[in-house]
Protein backbone atom coordinates (compact mmCIF):
# COMPACT_ATOMS: atom_id res chain seq x y z
CA MET A 1 113.11 57.14 40.39
CA ASN A 2 115.38 55.62 37.30
CA GLN A 3 116.65 51.77 38.00
CA THR A 4 119.16 50.39 35.18
CA ILE A 5 118.81 46.92 34.60
CA HIS A 6 121.70 44.52 34.46
CA GLU A 7 121.89 42.00 31.89
CA GLY A 8 124.45 39.21 31.82
CA PRO A 9 126.65 37.48 34.21
CA GLY A 10 128.35 39.51 37.21
CA PRO A 11 126.70 41.82 40.26
CA GLN A 12 123.77 43.30 39.95
CA SER A 13 123.05 46.83 40.92
CA ASN A 14 120.41 49.52 40.74
CA ASP A 15 122.28 52.75 40.95
CA PRO A 16 122.81 53.73 37.69
CA VAL A 17 126.21 55.76 38.25
CA GLU A 18 127.88 52.40 39.99
CA SER A 19 126.15 50.31 36.67
CA ALA A 20 127.78 52.60 33.89
CA ALA A 21 131.63 53.07 36.01
CA GLU A 22 131.90 49.45 36.41
CA PRO A 23 131.80 47.44 32.81
CA ASP A 24 132.05 43.63 33.07
CA PRO A 25 135.24 42.54 33.06
CA LEU A 26 136.58 40.98 29.76
CA THR A 27 137.20 37.37 29.47
CA PRO A 28 140.83 35.81 29.27
CA GLU A 29 139.50 34.85 25.48
CA GLN A 30 138.43 38.40 24.62
CA LEU A 31 142.00 40.00 26.03
CA ALA A 32 143.72 37.56 24.00
CA ALA A 33 141.46 38.65 20.74
CA LEU A 34 141.96 42.26 21.53
CA TRP A 35 145.98 41.63 22.37
CA GLU A 36 146.42 40.19 18.86
CA GLU A 37 144.84 42.79 17.38
CA GLU A 38 146.89 45.56 18.61
CA ALA A 39 150.47 43.20 18.53
CA PRO A 40 152.61 44.37 15.89
CA PRO A 41 153.30 42.35 12.65
CA PRO A 42 155.27 39.00 13.11
CA ALA A 43 158.84 39.29 11.70
CA GLY A 44 159.03 36.36 9.58
CA GLY A 45 162.13 33.62 9.19
CA LEU A 46 164.32 36.05 7.62
CA SER A 47 164.06 38.76 10.60
CA ASN A 48 164.63 35.48 13.06
CA LEU A 49 167.54 34.36 11.07
CA ILE A 50 169.25 37.67 10.82
CA SER A 51 168.59 38.68 14.82
CA SER A 52 169.66 35.06 15.57
CA LEU A 53 172.64 34.85 13.87
CA PHE A 54 173.35 38.70 15.22
CA ALA A 55 172.91 37.60 18.96
CA THR A 56 175.19 34.69 17.94
CA ALA A 57 178.24 36.56 17.12
CA LEU A 58 177.84 38.92 19.95
CA GLY A 59 177.92 35.96 22.16
CA GLY A 60 180.83 34.81 20.08
CA ALA A 61 182.78 38.20 20.95
CA GLY A 62 181.46 38.14 24.47
CA MET A 63 183.23 34.79 25.02
CA ALA A 64 186.56 36.02 23.25
CA LEU A 65 186.59 39.25 25.51
CA ALA A 66 186.08 37.35 28.62
CA ALA A 67 188.67 34.48 27.65
CA GLY A 68 191.15 37.53 27.58
CA LEU A 69 190.23 38.62 31.17
CA GLY A 70 191.27 35.29 31.94
CA LEU A 71 189.01 32.36 33.09
CA GLY A 72 190.82 30.70 35.72
CA THR A 73 189.69 27.41 37.21
CA PRO A 74 185.99 26.34 38.88
CA ALA A 75 188.09 26.54 42.03
CA ALA A 76 189.21 29.56 41.58
CA PRO A 77 187.52 31.51 38.52
CA GLY A 78 189.32 34.55 37.29
CA PRO A 79 187.53 37.78 36.24
CA GLY A 80 186.32 36.46 32.89
CA LEU A 81 184.32 33.52 33.91
CA TRP A 82 181.12 34.77 34.57
CA PRO A 83 181.24 36.77 31.47
CA PHE A 84 182.32 33.63 29.63
CA VAL A 85 179.47 31.62 30.92
CA MET A 86 176.92 34.00 29.98
CA SER A 87 178.16 34.89 26.52
CA LEU A 88 178.51 31.03 26.05
CA ALA A 89 174.85 30.85 27.06
CA ILE A 90 173.83 33.33 24.65
CA VAL A 91 175.88 31.57 21.62
CA VAL A 92 173.96 28.43 22.71
CA PHE A 93 170.53 30.02 22.66
CA GLY A 94 171.40 31.93 18.96
CA ALA A 95 172.02 28.72 17.66
CA VAL A 96 169.19 26.91 18.85
CA GLN A 97 166.81 30.21 17.54
CA ILE A 98 168.93 29.66 14.28
CA VAL A 99 167.44 26.42 13.46
CA VAL A 100 163.98 26.46 15.54
CA GLY A 101 163.17 30.47 15.12
CA ARG A 102 163.65 30.32 11.02
CA HIS A 103 160.13 29.59 10.54
CA GLY A 104 158.89 32.84 11.73
CA GLY A 105 156.93 32.29 15.31
CA ASP A 106 155.85 34.91 17.19
CA GLY A 107 158.74 37.35 17.11
CA GLU A 108 157.93 41.02 16.23
CA LYS A 109 158.69 43.10 13.11
CA PHE A 110 161.07 45.89 13.18
CA SER A 111 159.79 49.08 13.88
CA LYS A 112 160.61 52.53 15.11
CA LEU A 113 160.25 51.27 18.74
CA SER A 114 162.90 48.71 17.81
CA TRP A 115 165.58 51.62 18.05
CA LEU A 116 164.47 51.97 21.70
CA THR A 117 166.57 49.09 22.64
CA ALA A 118 169.44 50.20 20.52
CA ALA A 119 169.49 53.29 22.26
CA GLY A 120 168.81 51.44 25.91
CA PHE A 121 172.41 49.43 24.37
CA ALA A 122 174.07 52.44 24.02
CA THR A 123 173.39 54.23 27.28
CA LEU A 124 174.68 50.73 28.97
CA ILE A 125 178.07 51.02 26.88
CA GLY A 126 178.37 54.72 28.13
CA LEU A 127 177.87 53.62 31.78
CA VAL A 128 180.74 51.04 31.26
CA LEU A 129 182.89 53.72 29.33
CA LEU A 130 182.31 56.63 32.35
CA MET A 131 182.12 54.30 35.31
CA PRO A 132 186.28 53.94 35.63
CA VAL A 133 186.44 57.82 34.73
CA ILE A 134 183.97 59.15 37.18
CA GLY A 135 182.84 56.56 39.75
CA PHE A 136 179.40 54.86 39.05
CA GLU A 137 177.16 56.97 40.70
CA ILE A 138 176.54 59.70 38.20
CA PRO A 139 176.39 57.42 34.66
CA SER A 140 174.13 55.22 36.69
CA LEU A 141 172.13 58.37 37.73
CA LEU A 142 171.74 59.20 34.25
CA LEU A 143 171.40 56.05 33.08
CA CYS A 144 168.38 55.34 35.24
CA LEU A 145 167.17 58.87 34.06
CA VAL A 146 167.40 58.28 30.26
CA TRP A 147 165.75 54.68 30.73
CA MET A 148 162.96 55.85 33.24
CA LYS A 149 162.01 59.11 31.23
CA LEU A 150 162.92 58.57 27.52
CA LEU A 151 162.51 54.81 27.33
CA GLY A 152 159.87 54.24 30.31
CA GLY A 153 157.78 57.22 29.80
CA GLU A 154 157.80 58.37 33.32
CA THR A 155 156.95 61.56 34.65
CA TRP A 156 160.45 63.64 35.08
CA ARG A 157 159.11 63.74 39.03
CA ALA A 158 159.36 59.97 39.44
CA ALA A 159 162.14 59.36 37.04
CA VAL A 160 164.57 61.61 39.20
CA LEU A 161 162.90 60.16 42.38
CA TYR A 162 163.45 56.30 41.25
CA SER A 163 166.87 57.17 40.02
CA LEU A 164 167.99 58.86 42.94
CA LEU A 165 166.79 55.71 45.27
CA VAL A 166 168.31 53.04 42.71
CA VAL A 167 171.45 54.66 42.63
CA ALA A 168 171.38 55.10 46.92
CA GLY A 169 170.37 51.68 46.72
CA PHE A 170 173.05 50.21 44.67
CA TYR A 171 175.33 52.27 46.66
CA ALA A 172 174.23 50.89 50.27
CA ILE A 173 174.23 47.51 49.05
CA PHE A 174 177.77 47.48 46.72
CA ILE A 175 179.76 49.87 48.25
CA LEU A 176 178.54 50.50 51.94
CA ALA A 177 177.26 46.57 52.85
CA LEU A 178 179.77 44.34 50.46
CA GLY A 179 183.11 46.70 50.18
CA THR A 180 183.26 46.24 46.39
CA THR A 181 186.02 47.88 44.46
CA ILE A 182 183.47 49.30 42.23
CA PRO A 183 184.76 53.14 41.15
CA HIS A 184 183.27 55.42 43.16
CA LEU A 185 183.12 59.06 43.95
CA PHE A 186 182.55 58.99 47.76
């Protein structure tokens, strides 16, 4: 009878199939080293500065657009108050990152995969533009499909199923339960 001898920490087994199928788990230090080897190169100070300036400018544009919607008061907030607050937070974090992040840090260097973020943003803009015209159901379904299949790598079956569930859930919450005025088909 064949017996394997288990060396090192962990449970011991005399079953050769069980021993071969269950390798010893990696320690946190080994995992950190493995992730560091696989990580993309750091971006560096110039890339961090450019991305921080872009985020700050985008936040500033958001503040201007939100102010155009009307801010109202804290007691009676206008439609632009929440987008204004969020845009202000982006400006503040971008400005802090300009000062703190110029030394490089852990930011990743831009690569071909960085364009996936741009694709995700473009599809989100498409959702915003199409929603007033044809309601939220179709654009939301398309957005979920694109994000899950093309950006997330899900199977078509999973992407379709999850997208239908997400849109149905949003419909149930925002249209049926809360009665919001989001443009919708049904």
